[in-house]
């Protein structure tokens, strides 16, 4: 039996974070969601006390990543995760307001698995997150590399 997937949500807008979690839950996903409102705390969690990422060894993670954070760039977090031998297989879903084609291309080049632009309209945003939750309920996530 596989480990349950922990969803790491890196989102500085608390309203968006509540909306994301509520609509993921509405789609039937009951996995643990560990929220972070800034990149520094998320990096500290992901890379652990020794800074290597080895503490996540064998744990199945999925990262929901906003690009526009107050203290660090989501791009930098994506790059660090995908360059790390323990975390590189972790799926990263970029969920952001940025719809710039160059930014989208860069995220995919750095290894993001899915790029979603947050709809401005509340109901469209809620619907997009419910669909994302359905996607989460069927995908397979590998454990962090040993």
Foldseek 3Di string as FASTA:
>chain_A
DAAFEEEEEAAQDVVLVVLLVVLLVVLPDDHHYHYHNADVVVQCVQLDPVRQSCVQARHFYAYEFEQDHDPDGSLVVLLVQCVHQQRNQHAYEYEYQDPDPVVVVSSVVSPHDHYHHQDPDSVVNSVVSNVVSNVVVPDDTGRGHD
